[in-house]
N, C-alpha and C. Protein backbone atom coordinates (compact mmCIF):
# COMPACT_ATOMS: atom_id res chain seq x y z
N MET A 1 0.86 -1.24 -0.01
CA MET A 1 0.02 -0.01 -0.05
C MET A 1 0.85 1.20 0.05
N ALA A 2 1.94 1.24 0.82
CA ALA A 2 2.76 2.43 0.93
C ALA A 2 3.45 2.72 -0.55
N THR A 3 3.88 1.75 -1.19
CA THR A 3 4.41 1.87 -2.49
C THR A 3 3.51 2.56 -3.38
N ASN A 4 2.25 2.11 -3.50
CA ASN A 4 1.36 2.76 -4.38
C ASN A 4 1.11 4.21 -4.11
N LEU A 5 0.96 4.53 -2.80
CA LEU A 5 0.83 5.87 -2.29
C LEU A 5 2.03 6.74 -2.84
N SER A 6 3.17 6.14 -2.61
CA SER A 6 4.26 6.99 -2.97
C SER A 6 4.47 7.31 -4.51
N HIS A 7 4.06 6.20 -5.20
CA HIS A 7 4.04 6.35 -6.56
C HIS A 7 3.09 7.38 -7.10
N SER A 8 1.95 7.39 -6.48
CA SER A 8 0.85 8.36 -6.79
C SER A 8 1.31 9.87 -6.50
N GLU A 9 2.06 9.83 -5.28
CA GLU A 9 2.50 11.15 -4.80
C GLU A 9 3.53 11.65 -5.88
N PHE A 10 4.47 10.81 -6.37
CA PHE A 10 5.57 11.32 -7.22
C PHE A 10 5.05 11.20 -8.73
N THR A 11 3.94 10.84 -9.17
CA THR A 11 3.62 10.90 -10.65
C THR A 11 2.48 11.80 -10.78
N GLN A 12 1.80 12.40 -9.80
CA GLN A 12 0.81 13.34 -10.03
C GLN A 12 1.32 14.76 -10.54
N LEU A 13 0.76 15.16 -11.56
CA LEU A 13 1.15 16.52 -12.08
C LEU A 13 0.89 17.59 -11.07
N ALA A 14 1.74 18.59 -10.93
CA ALA A 14 1.68 19.72 -9.96
C ALA A 14 0.33 20.50 -10.36
N SER A 15 -0.18 21.14 -9.27
CA SER A 15 -1.22 21.99 -9.46
C SER A 15 -0.85 23.35 -10.05
N GLU A 16 -1.68 24.19 -10.59
CA GLU A 16 -1.37 25.40 -11.13
C GLU A 16 -0.75 26.43 -9.95
N LYS A 17 -1.27 26.25 -8.78
CA LYS A 17 -0.72 27.04 -7.67
C LYS A 17 0.72 26.52 -7.32
N GLN A 18 0.95 25.37 -7.35
CA GLN A 18 2.21 24.76 -6.98
C GLN A 18 3.32 25.32 -8.06
N ILE A 19 2.79 25.14 -9.40
CA ILE A 19 3.65 25.47 -10.55
C ILE A 19 4.16 26.99 -10.30
N GLU A 20 3.15 27.80 -9.99
CA GLU A 20 3.31 29.33 -9.89
C GLU A 20 4.36 29.53 -8.74
N LYS A 21 4.08 28.95 -7.59
CA LYS A 21 4.99 29.04 -6.43
C LYS A 21 6.38 28.62 -6.77
N THR A 22 6.53 27.59 -7.53
CA THR A 22 7.82 26.98 -7.85
C THR A 22 8.51 27.96 -8.89
N VAL A 23 7.83 28.40 -9.89
CA VAL A 23 8.39 29.31 -10.95
C VAL A 23 9.04 30.64 -10.16
N GLN A 24 8.15 31.11 -9.38
CA GLN A 24 8.49 32.29 -8.71
C GLN A 24 9.81 32.14 -7.83
N ALA A 25 9.93 30.93 -7.13
CA ALA A 25 11.20 30.67 -6.43
C ALA A 25 12.31 30.40 -7.29
N LEU A 26 12.19 29.74 -8.45
CA LEU A 26 13.33 29.62 -9.34
C LEU A 26 13.87 30.78 -9.87
N GLN A 27 12.84 31.76 -10.32
CA GLN A 27 13.22 33.05 -10.88
C GLN A 27 13.98 33.97 -9.84
N ALA A 28 13.48 33.74 -8.58
CA ALA A 28 14.21 34.54 -7.61
C ALA A 28 15.52 34.15 -7.21
N HIS A 29 15.91 32.91 -7.70
CA HIS A 29 17.31 32.28 -7.47
C HIS A 29 17.98 32.33 -8.73
N GLY A 30 17.60 33.09 -9.68
CA GLY A 30 18.48 33.35 -11.01
C GLY A 30 18.25 32.27 -12.03
N ILE A 31 17.17 31.51 -11.97
CA ILE A 31 16.93 30.30 -12.98
C ILE A 31 15.80 30.96 -13.82
N ARG A 32 16.01 31.01 -15.21
CA ARG A 32 14.90 31.37 -16.05
C ARG A 32 13.90 30.22 -16.23
N VAL A 33 12.67 30.66 -16.24
CA VAL A 33 11.65 29.45 -16.36
C VAL A 33 10.63 29.75 -17.38
N VAL A 34 10.37 28.70 -18.18
CA VAL A 34 9.30 28.67 -19.27
C VAL A 34 8.29 27.60 -18.88
N VAL A 35 7.07 27.64 -19.17
CA VAL A 35 6.03 26.60 -18.96
C VAL A 35 5.30 26.23 -20.15
N PHE A 36 5.21 25.00 -20.57
CA PHE A 36 4.52 24.48 -21.72
C PHE A 36 3.55 23.42 -21.35
N GLU A 37 2.53 23.34 -22.26
CA GLU A 37 1.54 22.30 -22.07
C GLU A 37 2.01 21.01 -22.41
N THR A 38 2.77 20.86 -23.63
CA THR A 38 3.13 19.70 -24.21
C THR A 38 4.75 19.55 -24.36
N GLY A 39 5.22 18.24 -24.44
CA GLY A 39 6.58 18.06 -24.72
C GLY A 39 7.01 18.44 -26.14
N GLU A 40 6.12 18.42 -26.99
CA GLU A 40 6.37 18.83 -28.42
C GLU A 40 6.62 20.41 -28.43
N GLU A 41 5.81 21.13 -27.71
CA GLU A 41 6.17 22.60 -27.71
C GLU A 41 7.48 22.77 -27.00
N ALA A 42 7.82 22.07 -25.97
CA ALA A 42 9.09 22.22 -25.31
C ALA A 42 10.23 21.94 -26.27
N ARG A 43 10.11 20.81 -26.95
CA ARG A 43 11.13 20.38 -27.94
C ARG A 43 11.42 21.48 -28.90
N THR A 44 10.43 21.97 -29.56
CA THR A 44 10.58 23.08 -30.51
C THR A 44 11.32 24.32 -29.85
N TYR A 45 10.86 24.74 -28.72
CA TYR A 45 11.44 25.72 -27.88
C TYR A 45 12.96 25.54 -27.65
N VAL A 46 13.39 24.42 -27.11
CA VAL A 46 14.72 24.11 -26.85
C VAL A 46 15.56 24.10 -28.04
N LEU A 47 15.16 23.60 -29.16
CA LEU A 47 15.95 23.49 -30.32
C LEU A 47 16.17 25.06 -30.93
N ASP A 48 15.05 25.76 -30.74
CA ASP A 48 15.20 27.10 -31.17
C ASP A 48 16.32 27.80 -30.32
N LEU A 49 16.33 27.53 -29.06
CA LEU A 49 17.16 28.13 -28.01
C LEU A 49 18.74 27.81 -28.31
N ILE A 50 19.03 26.68 -28.99
CA ILE A 50 20.36 26.46 -29.26
C ILE A 50 21.01 27.19 -30.36
N PRO A 51 22.20 27.93 -30.05
CA PRO A 51 22.91 28.81 -31.08
C PRO A 51 23.40 27.81 -32.24
N ASN A 52 23.42 28.39 -33.37
CA ASN A 52 24.02 27.63 -34.57
C ASN A 52 25.65 27.50 -34.13
N GLY A 53 26.04 26.29 -34.56
CA GLY A 53 27.50 26.03 -34.36
C GLY A 53 27.93 25.65 -32.95
N ALA A 54 26.92 25.60 -31.96
CA ALA A 54 27.38 25.31 -30.51
C ALA A 54 27.64 23.79 -30.31
N GLN A 55 28.49 23.55 -29.46
CA GLN A 55 28.74 22.18 -28.91
C GLN A 55 27.63 21.87 -27.99
N VAL A 56 26.91 20.79 -28.22
CA VAL A 56 25.67 20.53 -27.40
C VAL A 56 25.79 19.13 -26.88
N TYR A 57 25.65 19.01 -25.44
CA TYR A 57 25.73 17.68 -24.83
C TYR A 57 24.35 17.40 -24.27
N ASP A 58 23.58 16.24 -24.69
CA ASP A 58 22.36 16.10 -24.15
C ASP A 58 22.67 14.80 -23.18
N SER A 59 22.64 15.05 -21.87
CA SER A 59 22.91 14.05 -20.85
C SER A 59 21.89 13.00 -20.94
N PRO A 60 22.16 11.81 -20.49
CA PRO A 60 21.27 10.75 -20.51
C PRO A 60 19.89 11.11 -19.71
N SER A 61 18.76 10.96 -20.49
CA SER A 61 17.54 11.55 -19.96
C SER A 61 16.35 10.97 -20.62
N ARG A 62 15.47 10.26 -19.85
CA ARG A 62 14.36 9.58 -20.38
C ARG A 62 13.47 10.54 -20.82
N THR A 63 13.32 11.76 -20.20
CA THR A 63 12.46 12.85 -20.70
C THR A 63 12.83 13.39 -22.01
N LEU A 64 14.13 13.48 -22.30
CA LEU A 64 14.60 13.88 -23.75
C LEU A 64 14.24 12.84 -24.73
N GLU A 65 14.33 11.59 -24.28
CA GLU A 65 14.02 10.53 -25.25
C GLU A 65 12.47 10.63 -25.64
N VAL A 66 11.74 10.65 -24.54
CA VAL A 66 10.25 10.49 -24.80
C VAL A 66 9.72 11.67 -25.65
N ILE A 67 10.25 12.85 -25.56
CA ILE A 67 9.71 13.95 -26.47
C ILE A 67 10.42 14.12 -27.80
N GLY A 68 11.44 13.16 -27.98
CA GLY A 68 12.19 13.22 -29.16
C GLY A 68 13.25 14.28 -29.34
N LEU A 69 13.65 14.79 -28.26
CA LEU A 69 14.64 15.90 -28.24
C LEU A 69 16.06 15.21 -28.43
N ALA A 70 16.40 14.09 -27.66
CA ALA A 70 17.56 13.55 -27.71
C ALA A 70 17.90 13.13 -29.20
N GLU A 71 16.93 12.49 -29.89
CA GLU A 71 17.29 12.16 -31.32
C GLU A 71 17.48 13.46 -32.12
N GLN A 72 16.67 14.34 -32.05
CA GLN A 72 16.85 15.69 -32.68
C GLN A 72 18.21 16.29 -32.45
N ILE A 73 18.75 16.24 -31.30
CA ILE A 73 20.04 16.96 -31.03
C ILE A 73 21.12 16.06 -31.67
N GLU A 74 20.98 14.79 -31.28
CA GLU A 74 22.04 13.86 -31.87
C GLU A 74 22.12 13.88 -33.39
N HIS A 75 21.18 14.14 -34.09
CA HIS A 75 21.19 14.08 -35.64
C HIS A 75 21.10 15.53 -36.32
N ALA A 76 21.42 16.56 -35.39
CA ALA A 76 21.31 17.93 -35.83
C ALA A 76 22.47 18.23 -36.73
N ASN A 77 22.25 19.22 -37.63
CA ASN A 77 23.32 19.68 -38.61
C ASN A 77 23.71 21.05 -38.37
N ARG A 78 22.89 21.90 -37.67
CA ARG A 78 23.17 23.33 -37.62
C ARG A 78 24.06 23.62 -36.28
N PHE A 79 24.32 22.52 -35.33
CA PHE A 79 25.09 22.63 -34.31
C PHE A 79 25.81 21.24 -33.99
N GLN A 80 26.73 21.19 -33.21
CA GLN A 80 27.64 19.98 -33.05
C GLN A 80 27.12 19.18 -31.84
N ALA A 81 26.76 17.91 -32.21
CA ALA A 81 26.24 17.07 -31.09
C ALA A 81 27.41 16.42 -30.49
N VAL A 82 27.55 16.62 -29.24
CA VAL A 82 28.64 16.00 -28.47
C VAL A 82 28.62 14.46 -28.51
N ARG A 83 27.42 13.97 -28.38
CA ARG A 83 27.42 12.48 -28.31
C ARG A 83 27.85 11.74 -29.61
N ALA A 84 27.45 12.53 -30.78
CA ALA A 84 27.94 11.94 -32.03
C ALA A 84 29.51 11.96 -32.03
N ARG A 85 30.10 12.98 -31.54
CA ARG A 85 31.53 13.21 -31.62
C ARG A 85 32.10 12.11 -30.67
N LEU A 86 31.43 11.88 -29.49
CA LEU A 86 32.02 10.78 -28.57
C LEU A 86 31.98 9.40 -29.21
N SER A 87 31.08 9.14 -29.99
CA SER A 87 30.90 7.81 -30.75
C SER A 87 31.98 7.55 -31.65
N THR A 88 32.74 8.54 -32.03
CA THR A 88 33.92 8.44 -32.89
C THR A 88 35.23 8.27 -32.22
N LEU A 89 35.29 8.49 -31.00
CA LEU A 89 36.46 8.49 -30.15
C LEU A 89 36.63 7.04 -29.45
N ASP A 90 37.94 6.83 -29.13
CA ASP A 90 38.38 5.58 -28.56
C ASP A 90 38.41 5.84 -27.09
N ARG A 91 37.58 5.09 -26.35
CA ARG A 91 37.70 5.31 -24.83
C ARG A 91 39.00 4.88 -24.22
N ALA A 92 39.75 4.10 -24.77
CA ALA A 92 41.07 3.63 -24.23
C ALA A 92 42.09 4.69 -24.37
N THR A 93 42.14 5.24 -25.68
CA THR A 93 43.14 6.24 -25.97
C THR A 93 42.89 7.71 -26.00
N GLN A 94 41.43 8.01 -26.07
CA GLN A 94 41.01 9.35 -26.07
C GLN A 94 40.02 9.69 -24.86
N HIS A 95 40.35 9.16 -23.72
CA HIS A 95 39.44 9.31 -22.64
C HIS A 95 39.49 10.73 -22.08
N ARG A 96 40.57 11.22 -22.04
CA ARG A 96 40.63 12.68 -21.54
C ARG A 96 39.75 13.62 -22.48
N GLU A 97 40.02 13.49 -23.69
CA GLU A 97 39.24 14.35 -24.79
C GLU A 97 37.59 14.05 -24.56
N MET A 98 37.24 12.82 -24.27
CA MET A 98 36.00 12.48 -23.96
C MET A 98 35.40 13.24 -22.82
N ARG A 99 36.16 13.23 -21.85
CA ARG A 99 35.80 13.73 -20.53
C ARG A 99 35.57 15.35 -20.54
N THR A 100 36.62 16.00 -21.43
CA THR A 100 36.58 17.42 -21.54
C THR A 100 35.31 17.73 -22.47
N LEU A 101 34.98 17.13 -23.45
CA LEU A 101 33.71 17.29 -24.25
C LEU A 101 32.62 17.38 -23.31
N VAL A 102 32.40 16.32 -22.43
CA VAL A 102 31.30 16.19 -21.53
C VAL A 102 31.17 17.31 -20.56
N ALA A 103 32.29 17.56 -19.94
CA ALA A 103 32.48 18.47 -18.78
C ALA A 103 32.22 19.90 -19.23
N ALA A 104 32.62 20.30 -20.39
CA ALA A 104 32.48 21.77 -20.71
C ALA A 104 31.93 22.03 -22.25
N PRO A 105 30.68 21.57 -22.41
CA PRO A 105 30.04 21.84 -23.65
C PRO A 105 29.54 23.35 -23.72
N ASP A 106 29.22 23.80 -24.81
CA ASP A 106 28.64 25.28 -24.88
C ASP A 106 27.25 25.12 -24.23
N VAL A 107 26.49 23.95 -24.66
CA VAL A 107 25.12 23.93 -24.07
C VAL A 107 25.00 22.43 -23.48
N LEU A 108 24.49 22.53 -22.34
CA LEU A 108 24.05 21.14 -21.69
C LEU A 108 22.51 21.11 -21.69
N VAL A 109 21.90 20.06 -22.20
CA VAL A 109 20.39 19.74 -22.26
C VAL A 109 20.16 18.56 -21.56
N GLY A 110 19.27 18.60 -20.55
CA GLY A 110 18.89 17.47 -19.81
C GLY A 110 17.79 17.54 -19.02
N SER A 111 17.61 16.77 -17.91
CA SER A 111 16.55 16.90 -16.85
C SER A 111 17.01 16.79 -15.58
N VAL A 112 16.06 16.80 -14.69
CA VAL A 112 16.46 16.78 -13.16
C VAL A 112 15.43 15.68 -12.46
N GLN A 113 15.70 15.40 -11.22
CA GLN A 113 14.75 14.42 -10.56
C GLN A 113 13.76 15.01 -9.75
N ALA A 114 14.10 16.31 -9.31
CA ALA A 114 12.99 17.05 -8.37
C ALA A 114 13.26 18.41 -8.35
N ILE A 115 12.31 19.31 -8.15
CA ILE A 115 12.42 20.70 -7.88
C ILE A 115 11.40 21.06 -6.64
N THR A 116 12.05 21.75 -5.65
CA THR A 116 11.10 22.03 -4.59
C THR A 116 10.42 23.45 -4.79
N GLU A 117 9.47 23.69 -3.96
CA GLU A 117 8.75 24.88 -3.96
C GLU A 117 9.74 26.07 -3.53
N GLN A 118 10.73 25.80 -2.92
CA GLN A 118 11.77 26.84 -2.49
C GLN A 118 12.73 27.06 -3.52
N GLY A 119 12.62 26.49 -4.79
CA GLY A 119 13.44 26.59 -5.83
C GLY A 119 14.74 25.88 -5.88
N GLU A 120 14.83 24.77 -5.15
CA GLU A 120 16.02 23.91 -5.05
C GLU A 120 15.74 22.88 -6.17
N VAL A 121 16.94 22.73 -6.84
CA VAL A 121 16.89 21.68 -7.98
C VAL A 121 17.76 20.49 -7.61
N LEU A 122 17.25 19.32 -7.77
CA LEU A 122 18.06 18.09 -7.44
C LEU A 122 18.21 17.11 -8.52
N ILE A 123 19.61 16.85 -8.58
CA ILE A 123 20.03 15.88 -9.75
C ILE A 123 20.76 14.70 -9.08
N ALA A 124 20.42 13.58 -9.49
CA ALA A 124 21.13 12.35 -8.84
C ALA A 124 21.70 11.72 -10.02
N SER A 125 23.04 11.06 -9.91
CA SER A 125 23.73 10.48 -10.91
C SER A 125 24.47 9.23 -10.30
N ALA A 126 24.68 8.35 -11.11
CA ALA A 126 25.53 7.13 -10.89
C ALA A 126 27.09 7.50 -11.18
N SER A 127 27.37 8.20 -12.28
CA SER A 127 28.70 8.45 -12.75
C SER A 127 29.10 9.94 -12.43
N GLY A 128 28.06 10.68 -12.45
CA GLY A 128 28.28 12.15 -12.20
C GLY A 128 28.71 12.91 -13.57
N SER A 129 28.59 12.18 -14.72
CA SER A 129 29.04 12.83 -15.84
C SER A 129 28.54 14.09 -16.36
N GLN A 130 27.21 14.29 -15.98
CA GLN A 130 26.47 15.55 -16.40
C GLN A 130 26.65 16.60 -15.31
N LEU A 131 27.11 16.28 -14.17
CA LEU A 131 27.14 17.29 -12.97
C LEU A 131 28.05 18.52 -13.11
N GLY A 132 29.22 18.17 -13.67
CA GLY A 132 30.29 19.22 -13.78
C GLY A 132 29.74 20.28 -14.82
N ALA A 133 29.17 19.86 -15.93
CA ALA A 133 28.61 20.76 -16.82
C ALA A 133 27.54 21.71 -16.35
N ALA A 134 26.70 20.96 -15.54
CA ALA A 134 25.58 21.63 -14.78
C ALA A 134 25.97 22.72 -13.94
N VAL A 135 27.02 22.34 -13.09
CA VAL A 135 27.43 23.21 -11.97
C VAL A 135 28.20 24.52 -12.59
N PHE A 136 29.01 24.25 -13.59
CA PHE A 136 29.78 25.35 -14.02
C PHE A 136 30.25 25.26 -15.47
N GLY A 137 30.54 23.91 -15.95
CA GLY A 137 31.24 23.74 -17.12
C GLY A 137 30.59 24.29 -18.52
N ALA A 138 29.20 24.13 -18.50
CA ALA A 138 28.42 24.62 -19.65
C ALA A 138 28.16 26.03 -19.71
N SER A 139 28.28 26.74 -20.70
CA SER A 139 27.87 28.22 -20.70
C SER A 139 26.35 28.33 -20.62
N THR A 140 25.60 27.38 -21.18
CA THR A 140 24.11 27.37 -21.23
C THR A 140 23.68 26.01 -20.65
N VAL A 141 22.62 25.93 -19.70
CA VAL A 141 22.11 24.83 -19.37
C VAL A 141 20.54 24.95 -19.45
N ILE A 142 19.99 23.84 -20.15
CA ILE A 142 18.56 23.72 -20.36
C ILE A 142 17.96 22.51 -19.79
N TRP A 143 17.18 22.59 -18.94
CA TRP A 143 16.50 21.38 -18.29
C TRP A 143 15.06 21.26 -18.71
N VAL A 144 14.66 20.12 -19.21
CA VAL A 144 13.14 19.93 -19.43
C VAL A 144 12.62 19.04 -18.44
N VAL A 145 11.55 19.52 -17.73
CA VAL A 145 11.06 18.74 -16.59
C VAL A 145 9.57 18.58 -16.55
N GLY A 146 9.09 17.48 -16.45
CA GLY A 146 7.67 17.22 -16.30
C GLY A 146 7.17 17.63 -14.91
N THR A 147 6.06 18.45 -14.75
CA THR A 147 5.62 18.88 -13.57
C THR A 147 5.20 17.81 -12.42
N GLN A 148 5.31 16.65 -12.73
CA GLN A 148 5.17 15.65 -11.60
C GLN A 148 6.27 15.63 -10.84
N LYS A 149 7.51 16.22 -11.19
CA LYS A 149 8.78 16.26 -10.39
C LYS A 149 8.73 17.44 -9.41
N LEU A 150 7.78 18.20 -9.31
CA LEU A 150 7.61 19.44 -8.39
C LEU A 150 7.26 18.75 -7.14
N VAL A 151 8.03 19.08 -6.10
CA VAL A 151 7.72 18.69 -4.76
C VAL A 151 7.69 19.85 -3.76
N GLN A 152 7.20 19.54 -2.62
CA GLN A 152 7.14 20.61 -1.53
C GLN A 152 8.39 20.98 -1.00
N THR A 153 9.17 20.07 -0.54
CA THR A 153 10.37 20.29 0.37
C THR A 153 11.65 19.45 -0.22
N LEU A 154 12.70 19.95 0.31
CA LEU A 154 13.89 19.14 -0.10
C LEU A 154 13.80 17.82 0.48
N GLU A 155 13.33 17.29 1.59
CA GLU A 155 13.02 16.11 2.03
C GLU A 155 12.25 15.33 1.08
N ASP A 156 11.21 15.89 0.55
CA ASP A 156 10.29 15.15 -0.37
C ASP A 156 11.03 14.87 -1.69
N GLY A 157 11.91 15.84 -2.09
CA GLY A 157 12.81 15.65 -3.28
C GLY A 157 13.70 14.53 -3.09
N LEU A 158 14.33 14.36 -1.89
CA LEU A 158 15.08 13.16 -1.69
C LEU A 158 14.39 11.81 -1.68
N ARG A 159 13.18 11.82 -1.10
CA ARG A 159 12.39 10.69 -1.03
C ARG A 159 11.92 10.27 -2.45
N ARG A 160 11.74 11.29 -3.23
CA ARG A 160 11.27 10.91 -4.60
C ARG A 160 12.45 10.35 -5.45
N ILE A 161 13.69 10.74 -5.20
CA ILE A 161 14.87 10.20 -5.79
C ILE A 161 15.02 8.71 -5.33
N HIS A 162 15.02 8.47 -4.05
CA HIS A 162 15.31 7.21 -3.49
C HIS A 162 14.26 6.22 -3.67
N GLU A 163 12.95 6.63 -3.55
CA GLU A 163 11.85 5.85 -3.54
C GLU A 163 11.38 5.45 -4.88
N TYR A 164 11.34 6.51 -5.66
CA TYR A 164 10.69 6.42 -7.17
C TYR A 164 11.60 6.46 -8.40
N SER A 165 12.40 7.41 -8.34
CA SER A 165 13.44 7.58 -9.46
C SER A 165 14.40 6.46 -9.59
N LEU A 166 15.12 6.10 -8.56
CA LEU A 166 16.14 5.11 -8.44
C LEU A 166 15.61 3.71 -9.02
N PRO A 167 14.58 3.24 -8.49
CA PRO A 167 14.00 1.95 -8.90
C PRO A 167 13.81 1.85 -10.35
N LEU A 168 13.20 2.91 -10.97
CA LEU A 168 13.01 2.97 -12.46
C LEU A 168 14.33 3.17 -13.32
N GLU A 169 15.12 3.95 -12.66
CA GLU A 169 16.38 4.14 -13.55
C GLU A 169 17.35 2.83 -13.40
N ASN A 170 17.16 2.21 -12.27
CA ASN A 170 17.88 1.01 -12.05
C ASN A 170 17.44 -0.07 -13.09
N GLU A 171 16.20 -0.06 -13.35
CA GLU A 171 15.58 -1.01 -14.27
C GLU A 171 16.04 -0.75 -15.66
N ARG A 172 16.10 0.64 -15.97
CA ARG A 172 16.58 1.10 -17.30
C ARG A 172 17.99 0.67 -17.61
N ALA A 173 18.84 0.97 -16.50
CA ALA A 173 20.26 0.79 -16.68
C ALA A 173 20.70 -0.80 -16.84
N GLN A 174 19.95 -1.57 -16.19
CA GLN A 174 20.05 -3.11 -16.33
C GLN A 174 19.84 -3.39 -17.73
N GLN A 175 18.67 -2.78 -18.29
CA GLN A 175 18.39 -3.12 -19.69
C GLN A 175 19.48 -2.52 -20.75
N VAL A 176 19.83 -1.30 -20.54
CA VAL A 176 20.63 -0.68 -21.53
C VAL A 176 22.12 -1.01 -21.30
N TYR A 177 22.64 -0.96 -20.08
CA TYR A 177 23.97 -1.09 -19.79
C TYR A 177 24.29 -2.42 -19.26
N GLY A 178 23.38 -3.21 -18.68
CA GLY A 178 23.63 -4.60 -18.18
C GLY A 178 24.23 -4.47 -16.79
N GLN A 179 23.92 -3.28 -16.03
CA GLN A 179 24.47 -3.12 -14.72
C GLN A 179 23.55 -2.19 -13.94
N PRO A 180 23.34 -2.28 -12.64
CA PRO A 180 22.45 -1.41 -11.89
C PRO A 180 22.82 -0.07 -11.84
N SER A 181 21.94 0.87 -11.56
CA SER A 181 22.27 2.21 -11.16
C SER A 181 22.43 2.46 -9.80
N ALA A 182 22.84 3.70 -9.47
CA ALA A 182 22.95 3.84 -7.99
C ALA A 182 22.96 5.53 -7.78
N ILE A 183 22.72 5.97 -6.59
CA ILE A 183 22.80 7.46 -6.37
C ILE A 183 24.05 7.66 -5.76
N ASN A 184 25.24 7.70 -6.64
CA ASN A 184 26.59 7.92 -6.22
C ASN A 184 26.88 9.32 -5.90
N LYS A 185 26.16 10.21 -6.79
CA LYS A 185 26.47 11.61 -6.63
C LYS A 185 25.14 12.24 -6.59
N LEU A 186 25.07 13.18 -5.79
CA LEU A 186 23.69 13.93 -5.61
C LEU A 186 24.01 15.45 -5.64
N LEU A 187 23.43 16.13 -6.59
CA LEU A 187 23.63 17.65 -6.66
C LEU A 187 22.44 18.43 -6.34
N THR A 188 22.59 19.44 -5.42
CA THR A 188 21.47 20.38 -5.10
C THR A 188 21.97 21.76 -5.57
N ILE A 189 21.20 22.35 -6.44
CA ILE A 189 21.51 23.71 -6.89
C ILE A 189 20.40 24.55 -6.43
N ASN A 190 20.91 25.47 -5.45
CA ASN A 190 20.08 26.43 -4.80
C ASN A 190 19.83 27.74 -5.51
N ALA A 191 20.73 28.15 -6.30
CA ALA A 191 20.74 29.36 -7.00
C ALA A 191 21.74 29.38 -8.16
N GLU A 192 21.68 30.22 -9.18
CA GLU A 192 22.60 30.56 -10.17
C GLU A 192 22.96 31.96 -10.29
N HIS A 193 24.14 32.28 -10.17
CA HIS A 193 24.60 33.69 -10.04
C HIS A 193 24.66 34.40 -11.28
N GLU A 194 24.94 33.58 -12.41
CA GLU A 194 25.08 33.96 -13.77
C GLU A 194 23.73 34.20 -14.50
N SER A 195 23.45 35.43 -14.84
CA SER A 195 22.05 35.66 -15.47
C SER A 195 21.89 35.03 -16.75
N ASP A 196 20.76 34.39 -16.81
CA ASP A 196 20.34 33.59 -18.17
C ASP A 196 21.08 32.52 -18.42
N ARG A 197 21.94 31.94 -17.51
CA ARG A 197 22.67 30.82 -17.83
C ARG A 197 21.80 29.40 -17.74
N ILE A 198 20.89 29.28 -16.91
CA ILE A 198 20.03 28.21 -16.78
C ILE A 198 18.56 28.54 -17.19
N THR A 199 18.06 27.77 -17.97
CA THR A 199 16.60 27.79 -18.50
C THR A 199 15.96 26.55 -17.89
N MET A 200 14.88 26.63 -17.09
CA MET A 200 14.13 25.52 -16.79
C MET A 200 12.81 25.46 -17.57
N VAL A 201 12.57 24.44 -18.21
CA VAL A 201 11.48 24.22 -19.22
C VAL A 201 10.60 23.25 -18.51
N LEU A 202 9.48 23.80 -17.97
CA LEU A 202 8.50 22.93 -17.27
C LEU A 202 7.33 22.47 -18.17
N VAL A 203 7.02 21.26 -18.10
CA VAL A 203 6.00 20.69 -19.09
C VAL A 203 4.89 19.95 -18.22
N LYS A 204 3.64 20.45 -18.63
CA LYS A 204 2.58 19.91 -17.86
C LYS A 204 2.15 18.52 -18.33
N GLN A 205 3.15 17.58 -18.31
CA GLN A 205 2.96 16.17 -18.82
C GLN A 205 3.91 15.41 -17.83
N GLN A 206 3.50 14.08 -17.76
CA GLN A 206 4.32 13.20 -16.91
C GLN A 206 5.46 12.83 -17.94
N LEU A 207 6.65 13.25 -17.63
CA LEU A 207 7.83 13.02 -18.39
C LEU A 207 9.05 12.46 -17.52
N GLY A 208 9.59 11.35 -18.00
CA GLY A 208 10.79 10.91 -17.37
C GLY A 208 10.48 10.32 -15.93
N PHE A 209 11.56 10.10 -15.31
CA PHE A 209 11.60 9.40 -13.85
C PHE A 209 11.71 10.60 -12.77
């Protein structure tokens, strides 16, 4: 019974009041916010936001996959997809170059696991590969987030990650990589001091974990 309740808690779309409160908190902390009804609208907006010629890294994200944004980025012509570049490099001999490409792209596109009403953004990762770019390395950060990921408090956000996101990501990792996932690194972003560096694209649909 408890599991069903927690799943319901973490999959229900946020109310208009909660969205408004969260948007105000994020904006007060230096994070730009736009809200869309559909993933399709969000995908178009994000693609338009990416400058021509930019190096773009789309971090692993079920959200980006579901709305077709990952595929659009990785097959784009007007900017440079870091993932496409990574696929041409040899992990054994060019590992440093691969690390640098991921750590400091012009644009990072991804998602997060939870956002609190106080404007705190939580990202959990097994490897931490996307965290360096999110914190400082990327010149521009764009996160696409379904509003079911909005929570009241930091404690709720942590529960969402441990009780809901991890089991689903663990299942995905087993299928894709043949190994389990883990919360090895956990990032909380309280604010962004660099104006217009981070854009949060909220979507009123259940997207991702």
